[in-house]
Protein backbone atom coordinates (compact mmCIF):
# COMPACT_ATOMS: atom_id res chain seq x y z
CA MET A 1 48.65 2.82 29.06
CA SER A 2 49.98 -0.64 28.79
CA LYS A 3 49.25 -2.49 25.55
CA LYS A 4 47.91 -6.22 25.49
CA LEU A 5 50.59 -8.74 24.76
CA SER A 6 50.45 -10.42 21.42
CA ASP A 7 49.23 -13.99 21.61
CA ILE A 8 51.49 -15.13 18.81
CA PRO A 9 55.19 -14.92 19.21
CA ILE A 10 57.36 -13.40 16.38
CA SER A 11 59.81 -15.87 15.20
CA ARG A 12 61.93 -14.83 11.86
CA THR A 13 64.22 -17.22 10.08
CA ASN A 14 66.97 -15.03 9.02
CA LEU A 15 68.99 -12.25 10.72
CA PRO A 16 68.37 -9.17 9.09
CA LYS A 17 71.20 -7.37 7.55
CA HIS A 18 70.69 -4.15 9.44
CA ILE A 19 69.39 -3.06 12.88
CA LYS A 20 67.39 0.19 12.45
CA GLN A 21 67.58 2.22 15.50
CA GLY A 22 66.01 5.69 16.10
CA HIS A 23 67.98 8.73 17.21
CA LYS A 24 66.56 8.66 20.79
CA LEU A 25 67.58 5.27 21.41
CA VAL A 26 71.10 5.67 19.71
CA PHE A 27 71.72 8.73 22.11
CA SER A 28 70.19 7.41 25.08
CA ARG A 29 72.28 6.43 28.26
CA LYS A 30 73.06 2.92 27.83
CA ASP A 31 75.47 0.77 29.91
CA LEU A 32 75.20 -2.84 28.29
CA SER A 33 77.65 -5.38 28.64
CA PRO A 34 78.79 -7.16 25.10
CA ARG A 35 76.50 -10.10 25.56
CA GLU A 36 73.52 -7.87 26.72
CA ALA A 37 74.09 -5.66 23.67
CA ASP A 38 73.98 -8.47 21.49
CA LEU A 39 70.57 -9.80 22.83
CA PHE A 40 69.10 -6.10 22.68
CA ALA A 41 70.48 -6.05 19.09
CA LEU A 42 68.85 -9.23 18.01
CA MET A 43 65.41 -7.82 19.26
CA MET A 44 65.94 -4.63 17.33
CA ALA A 45 67.11 -6.30 14.15
CA GLN A 46 63.91 -8.40 13.95
CA MET A 47 61.46 -5.50 14.96
CA LYS A 48 59.29 -3.95 12.55
CA SER A 49 56.67 -1.00 12.98
CA SER A 50 53.95 -3.42 11.93
CA ASP A 51 54.62 -5.93 14.76
CA TRP A 52 53.20 -3.09 17.19
CA VAL A 53 49.83 -2.30 15.25
CA LYS A 54 47.50 -4.06 17.85
CA SER A 55 49.54 -5.25 20.76
CA THR A 56 53.03 -5.38 22.23
CA PRO A 57 55.12 -7.94 20.08
CA GLN A 58 56.97 -10.61 21.81
CA TYR A 59 60.11 -12.18 19.92
CA THR A 60 61.45 -15.85 20.20
CA TYR A 61 64.79 -17.26 19.13
CA THR A 62 65.60 -21.08 19.27
CA ALA A 63 68.91 -22.24 20.68
CA ASN A 64 70.19 -23.21 17.08
CA GLN A 65 69.66 -19.64 15.86
CA LEU A 66 71.40 -18.36 19.08
CA SER A 67 74.33 -20.50 18.60
CA GLU A 68 74.87 -19.42 15.09
CA TRP A 69 74.12 -15.67 15.31
CA LEU A 70 76.07 -15.03 18.58
CA ASN A 71 78.91 -17.91 18.01
CA ILE A 72 78.17 -19.87 21.12
CA ASP A 73 78.32 -23.54 21.56
CA SER A 74 74.90 -24.86 21.61
CA LYS A 75 75.64 -26.76 24.59
CA HIS A 76 76.44 -23.65 26.64
CA ILE A 77 73.70 -21.35 25.49
CA GLY A 78 71.62 -21.36 28.72
CA SER A 79 74.71 -21.00 30.95
CA VAL A 80 76.01 -17.94 28.81
CA LEU A 81 72.74 -16.16 28.20
CA ALA A 82 70.75 -16.68 31.31
CA PRO A 83 72.88 -14.29 33.46
CA ALA A 84 72.71 -11.46 30.61
CA ALA A 85 68.87 -11.96 30.18
CA GLU A 86 68.31 -11.75 34.08
CA ARG A 87 70.30 -8.36 34.09
CA LEU A 88 68.61 -6.95 31.18
CA ALA A 89 65.00 -8.02 32.98
CA SER A 90 65.46 -5.20 35.28
CA TYR A 91 67.98 -2.85 33.11
CA LYS A 92 66.74 0.80 32.68
CA VAL A 93 67.77 3.03 29.58
CA GLY A 94 67.75 6.73 30.01
CA ILE A 95 66.11 8.63 27.34
CA LYS A 96 66.95 12.36 26.71
CA ILE A 97 63.80 14.76 27.57
CA GLU A 98 63.53 17.52 24.96
CA SER A 99 63.45 20.88 26.69
CA GLU A 100 64.32 24.51 26.19
CA THR A 101 66.72 24.45 29.28
CA GLU A 102 70.39 23.83 28.74
CA ASP A 103 70.17 20.94 31.53
CA ASP A 104 70.37 17.45 30.08
CA GLU A 105 67.40 15.59 31.50
CA PHE A 106 66.90 12.00 31.06
CA ASP A 107 63.86 9.76 31.82
CA TYR A 108 64.85 6.18 32.73
CA LYS A 109 62.59 3.29 31.68
CA PRO A 110 62.90 -0.48 31.44
CA LEU A 111 64.16 -1.66 28.13
CA PHE A 112 62.22 -4.79 28.54
CA LYS A 113 58.69 -5.81 29.78
CA ASN A 114 60.01 -9.33 30.12
CA ILE A 115 62.82 -11.67 29.02
CA LYS A 116 63.50 -15.25 29.70
CA TYR A 117 65.34 -18.10 28.44
CA LYS A 118 63.53 -21.32 29.10
CA LYS A 119 63.77 -24.94 27.36
CA GLY A 120 65.98 -23.69 24.62
CA LEU A 121 64.00 -20.64 23.75
CA LEU A 122 64.64 -16.99 24.19
CA THR A 123 61.82 -14.81 24.54
CA MET A 124 62.03 -11.11 24.78
CA VAL A 125 59.24 -8.60 25.11
CA PRO A 126 59.94 -4.89 24.81
CA ASN A 127 58.62 -2.45 27.25
CA ASP A 128 55.45 -0.72 25.39
CA MET A 129 56.38 2.53 27.36
CA LEU A 130 59.18 2.83 24.96
CA GLU A 131 57.17 1.97 21.75
CA SER A 132 57.74 5.45 20.06
CA GLU A 133 61.59 5.31 20.73
CA TYR A 134 61.65 1.66 19.22
CA ILE A 135 59.73 2.57 16.08
CA GLU A 136 59.60 6.17 15.15
CA TYR A 137 62.17 7.41 13.05
CA HIS A 138 61.23 11.06 12.15
CA HIS A 139 64.26 12.41 14.39
CA GLY A 140 66.45 10.08 12.22
CA PHE A 141 68.11 6.73 12.71
CA ALA A 142 71.18 4.74 12.82
CA LEU A 143 71.65 1.88 10.29
CA ILE A 144 73.59 -0.71 12.09
CA THR A 145 75.39 -3.57 10.23
CA THR A 146 74.03 -6.45 12.23
CA LYS A 147 76.95 -9.09 11.70
CA THR A 148 79.48 -6.32 12.22
CA PHE A 149 78.15 -5.40 15.62
CA LEU A 150 77.60 -8.98 16.82
CA ASP A 151 81.22 -9.65 15.83
CA LEU A 152 82.55 -6.81 18.04
CA LYS A 153 83.47 -8.08 21.39
CA GLN A 154 84.30 -4.96 23.60
CA GLU A 155 81.44 -3.01 25.14
CA TYR A 156 82.93 0.68 24.43
CA SER A 157 83.98 -0.35 20.80
CA LYS A 158 80.44 -1.76 20.14
CA ARG A 159 78.86 1.55 21.47
CA LEU A 160 81.03 3.62 19.26
CA TYR A 161 80.23 1.63 16.25
CA GLU A 162 76.56 2.11 17.12
CA LEU A 163 76.94 5.85 17.50
CA LEU A 164 78.89 6.42 14.35
CA SER A 165 76.28 4.37 12.21
CA ARG A 166 74.00 7.31 12.88
CA PHE A 167 76.23 9.25 10.60
CA LYS A 168 76.20 7.20 7.44
CA LYS A 169 74.13 9.36 5.34
CA ASP A 170 76.20 11.50 2.74
CA GLY A 171 76.35 15.14 3.85
CA PHE A 172 75.54 14.18 7.49
CA GLU A 173 78.63 15.54 9.21
CA MET A 174 79.36 14.62 12.84
CA HIS A 175 79.66 17.77 15.29
CA PHE A 176 81.33 18.36 18.47
CA ILE A 177 80.10 16.37 21.24
CA LYS A 178 80.72 17.42 25.05
CA VAL A 179 82.98 14.96 26.75
CA ASP A 180 80.49 14.97 29.76
CA ILE A 181 77.57 13.88 27.21
CA LEU A 182 79.92 11.38 25.69
CA LYS A 183 80.34 9.65 29.15
CA GLY A 184 76.78 9.48 29.53
CA LEU A 185 76.30 7.87 26.11
CA PHE A 186 79.00 5.29 26.92
CA GLY A 187 77.16 4.35 30.20
CA LEU A 188 79.39 5.88 32.78
CA LEU A 189 76.84 8.18 34.47
CA ASP A 190 73.99 7.18 37.07
CA GLU A 191 70.52 8.58 37.01
CA ARG A 192 71.71 11.74 38.47
CA GLY A 193 74.24 12.29 35.82
CA LYS A 194 76.89 11.54 38.40
CA LEU A 195 79.94 9.10 37.70
CA LYS A 196 78.86 5.50 38.70
CA LYS A 197 80.57 4.29 41.64
CA ASN A 198 82.23 1.31 39.72
CA LYS A 199 83.36 3.77 36.87
CA SER A 200 85.13 6.23 39.11
CA SER A 201 88.52 5.98 37.41
CA PHE A 202 86.93 7.74 34.22
CA ARG A 203 86.73 11.06 36.32
CA ASN A 204 90.14 11.46 34.82
CA ASN A 205 89.47 12.65 31.19
CA GLY A 206 92.72 11.00 30.10
CA VAL A 207 91.40 7.46 31.09
CA PHE A 208 88.03 8.27 29.21
CA MET A 209 89.83 9.21 26.25
CA GLN A 210 92.05 6.21 26.37
CA ARG A 211 89.76 3.54 27.10
CA CYS A 212 86.52 4.78 25.37
CA ILE A 213 87.76 6.56 22.56
CA ARG A 214 91.42 5.85 21.33
CA ASP A 215 91.04 2.13 22.23
CA SER A 216 87.72 1.73 20.61
CA ILE A 217 88.98 3.60 17.40
CA ASP A 218 91.98 1.24 17.23
CA ARG A 219 89.89 -1.68 17.68
CA LEU A 220 87.39 -0.58 15.03
CA SER A 221 89.99 0.37 12.59
CA ASN A 222 91.78 -2.72 13.09
CA HIS A 223 88.66 -5.06 12.70
CA PRO A 224 88.57 -7.02 9.61
CA ILE A 225 85.14 -6.42 8.64
CA VAL A 226 84.93 -2.70 9.94
CA ARG A 227 87.89 -1.38 8.10
CA LYS A 228 85.86 -2.50 5.06
CA GLU A 229 83.16 -0.15 5.99
CA LEU A 230 84.60 2.85 7.61
CA LEU A 231 87.61 4.86 7.42
CA PHE A 232 89.04 7.06 10.38
CA LEU A 233 90.54 10.18 9.30
CA GLU A 234 93.54 12.06 10.63
CA SER A 235 93.25 15.27 12.27
CA LYS A 236 95.43 18.28 11.98
CA THR A 237 97.32 17.21 15.36
CA GLY A 238 97.88 13.78 14.10
CA ASP A 239 95.20 12.03 16.04
CA ILE A 240 93.39 9.24 14.16
CA GLY A 241 89.66 9.40 14.22
CA TYR A 242 88.96 12.52 16.26
CA GLU A 243 89.63 16.19 17.03
CA VAL A 244 89.25 17.71 20.28
CA LYS A 245 88.42 21.34 21.57
CA THR A 246 90.06 22.09 25.20
CA GLN A 247 89.33 24.57 27.97
CA GLY A 248 92.65 25.28 29.58
CA ASN A 249 94.42 21.97 29.43
CA ARG A 250 91.45 19.80 29.60
CA ILE A 251 89.56 18.37 26.75
CA SER A 252 85.92 19.70 26.61
CA GLU A 253 84.56 18.45 23.38
CA ILE A 254 85.09 15.63 20.76
CA LYS A 255 84.59 15.46 17.05
CA PHE A 256 84.70 11.99 15.36
CA LEU A 257 86.66 12.20 11.85
CA ILE A 258 85.10 9.23 9.63
CA LYS A 259 84.04 8.38 6.20
CA TRP A 260 81.66 5.60 5.53
CA HIS A 261 82.74 3.76 2.23
CA GLU A 262 79.78 3.69 -0.45
CA LYS A 263 77.46 0.96 -0.25
CA GLY A 264 78.67 -2.14 -2.00
CA THR A 265 82.18 -1.01 -2.59
CA TYR A 266 83.54 -4.25 -1.01
CA HIS A 267 80.39 -6.81 -0.44
CA GLU A 268 79.56 -6.73 -4.35
CA LEU A 269 83.12 -7.38 -5.73
CA ASN A 270 84.36 -10.55 -6.77
CA THR A 271 88.04 -11.59 -7.51
CA GLN A 272 88.00 -10.55 -11.37
CA ASP A 273 86.54 -7.22 -10.60
CA ALA A 274 88.92 -6.64 -7.70
CA LEU A 275 91.98 -7.61 -10.17
CA GLN A 276 90.54 -5.24 -12.98
CA THR A 277 90.36 -2.30 -10.57
CA VAL A 278 93.89 -2.91 -9.48
CA LYS A 279 95.12 -3.25 -13.14
CA GLU A 280 93.14 0.13 -14.24
CA MET A 281 94.44 2.06 -11.00
CA ILE A 282 97.91 1.28 -11.40
CA ALA A 283 97.82 1.68 -15.26
CA LYS A 284 96.52 5.13 -14.56
CA LYS A 285 98.98 5.93 -11.88
CA VAL A 286 102.19 4.40 -13.69
CA THR A 287 101.51 4.92 -17.31
CA LYS A 288 99.34 7.93 -17.51
CA LYS A 289 100.89 9.64 -14.48
CA GLU A 290 97.42 10.86 -13.25
CA LYS A 291 96.23 11.36 -9.69
CA LEU A 292 93.80 9.18 -8.38
CA SER A 293 90.62 10.61 -7.01
CA VAL A 294 89.11 9.92 -3.59
CA PRO A 295 86.49 7.56 -5.16
CA GLU A 296 89.14 5.88 -7.15
CA LEU A 297 91.47 5.39 -4.15
CA THR A 298 88.63 3.96 -2.10
CA LYS A 299 87.90 1.62 -5.06
CA LEU A 300 91.71 0.46 -5.00
CA MET A 301 91.80 0.14 -1.25
CA MET A 302 88.68 -1.90 -1.35
CA ALA A 303 90.12 -4.18 -4.16
CA TYR A 304 93.36 -4.76 -2.31
CA ARG A 305 91.28 -5.57 1.01
CA TYR A 306 89.24 -8.10 -1.03
CA LEU A 307 92.57 -9.64 -2.32
CA GLU A 308 94.00 -9.63 1.11
CA ILE A 309 97.01 -7.73 0.23
CA ASP A 310 96.56 -5.47 3.31
CA GLU A 311 100.05 -3.86 2.86
CA GLU A 312 98.91 -2.16 -0.09
CA ALA A 313 95.61 -1.51 1.19
CA ASN A 314 97.17 0.28 4.19
CA LYS A 315 99.28 2.67 1.88
CA VAL A 316 96.14 3.72 -0.11
CA GLU A 317 94.05 4.00 3.25
CA LYS A 318 96.96 6.25 4.52
CA ALA A 319 96.85 8.50 1.40
CA LEU A 320 92.99 8.45 1.61
CA GLN A 321 93.12 9.70 5.41
CA SER A 322 95.30 12.69 4.27
CA TYR A 323 93.51 13.21 0.99
CA THR A 324 90.14 13.60 2.84
CA GLU A 325 91.58 15.78 5.63
CA LYS A 326 92.78 18.20 3.10
CA GLU A 327 89.54 18.44 1.29
CA ASN A 328 87.74 18.75 4.59
CA VAL A 329 82.24 -12.38 1.52
CA GLU A 330 85.64 -13.85 1.33
CA LYS A 331 87.14 -15.23 -1.79
CA THR A 332 90.11 -17.27 -2.61
CA VAL A 333 92.82 -16.15 -5.26
CA THR A 334 94.11 -18.76 -7.63
CA GLU A 335 97.79 -19.37 -8.19
CA ASP A 336 97.64 -17.76 -11.78
CA GLU A 337 95.91 -14.78 -10.09
CA LYS A 338 98.39 -14.56 -7.30
CA SER A 339 101.18 -14.49 -9.93
CA GLU A 340 99.49 -12.00 -12.17
CA LEU A 341 99.25 -9.85 -8.77
CA GLU A 342 102.96 -10.32 -7.78
CA SER A 343 103.72 -8.75 -11.34
CA LEU A 344 101.50 -5.84 -10.72
CA LEU A 345 102.72 -5.11 -7.09
CA GLU A 346 106.34 -4.85 -8.68
CA LEU A 347 105.09 -1.83 -10.17
CA THR A 348 103.65 -0.14 -6.89
CA LYS A 349 106.99 -0.24 -4.95
CA ASP A 350 107.68 3.42 -5.89
CA ILE A 351 104.28 4.68 -6.16
CA ASP A 352 103.23 7.51 -3.89
CA TYR A 353 99.63 7.25 -3.69
């Protein structure tokens, strides 16, 4: 039964740090362009369970907010967002139906009840038929870093980041996922479960692996923010970020190999903390000849990243990838600090982390 629309639009001043998205929405069949995904993300970031208590909420965003949060020239907000909003107005998402059969069945429903951009104001009304999918989290949820997601520009890398964010919790290991299921999650299948006409090239699993998996992992691992949040591990066969199962010569299942860095390892650092970390870790390695643990290597990598010493950070990251596989806010550095770092780095030339 349809709910009454709230008379009072919800407009929040700040952009929330995280997007909380329930398991069913994360693992739904979505085929959103980067701009469409950004608009949907803005609504999800602002949404709270309490918004739905008596009526269907509606969310509004000013042109200034959209310009700042989506990095769009304020003069072009309308021309950039209006086409995306128009497409989203009729867009349907496929929600997996829980059943005892082995067949994957999906129920397709519109994401929005209404969405419009008029006179410098974007208004988004979620579809109340999806209320439970929007705000119920008993099946788990993804905690997606809002600014990182909005900063990603390519549709498949955005989708992969969203999926991987479901597995941030310690001890919650990713499992193998069938390639056909992943094709649905990446928006390649229609409502009948067949490849969309404009996605026919993905019939070849090699094309899917390259464009959706390898290229996305490459973009994420080289993204200046993502690389400080997430580490892609190396498989036994040398693939970065994933391992596969095959049937004959055909890849049938994929498991992503990732490690989320502990909360605060980068964002809570300051220059002095980072310098102190480098001093302590190098002293332990050079003077005491002690092997650094995974937490210590992670801490050292984050310190190097913070100080923008990417060459050393990459060396430590490579060691971390190998180590883990075996186990199965920008600041400026002063001239004195740079000099101190140069002296410290002289000690690292022959270090095998």
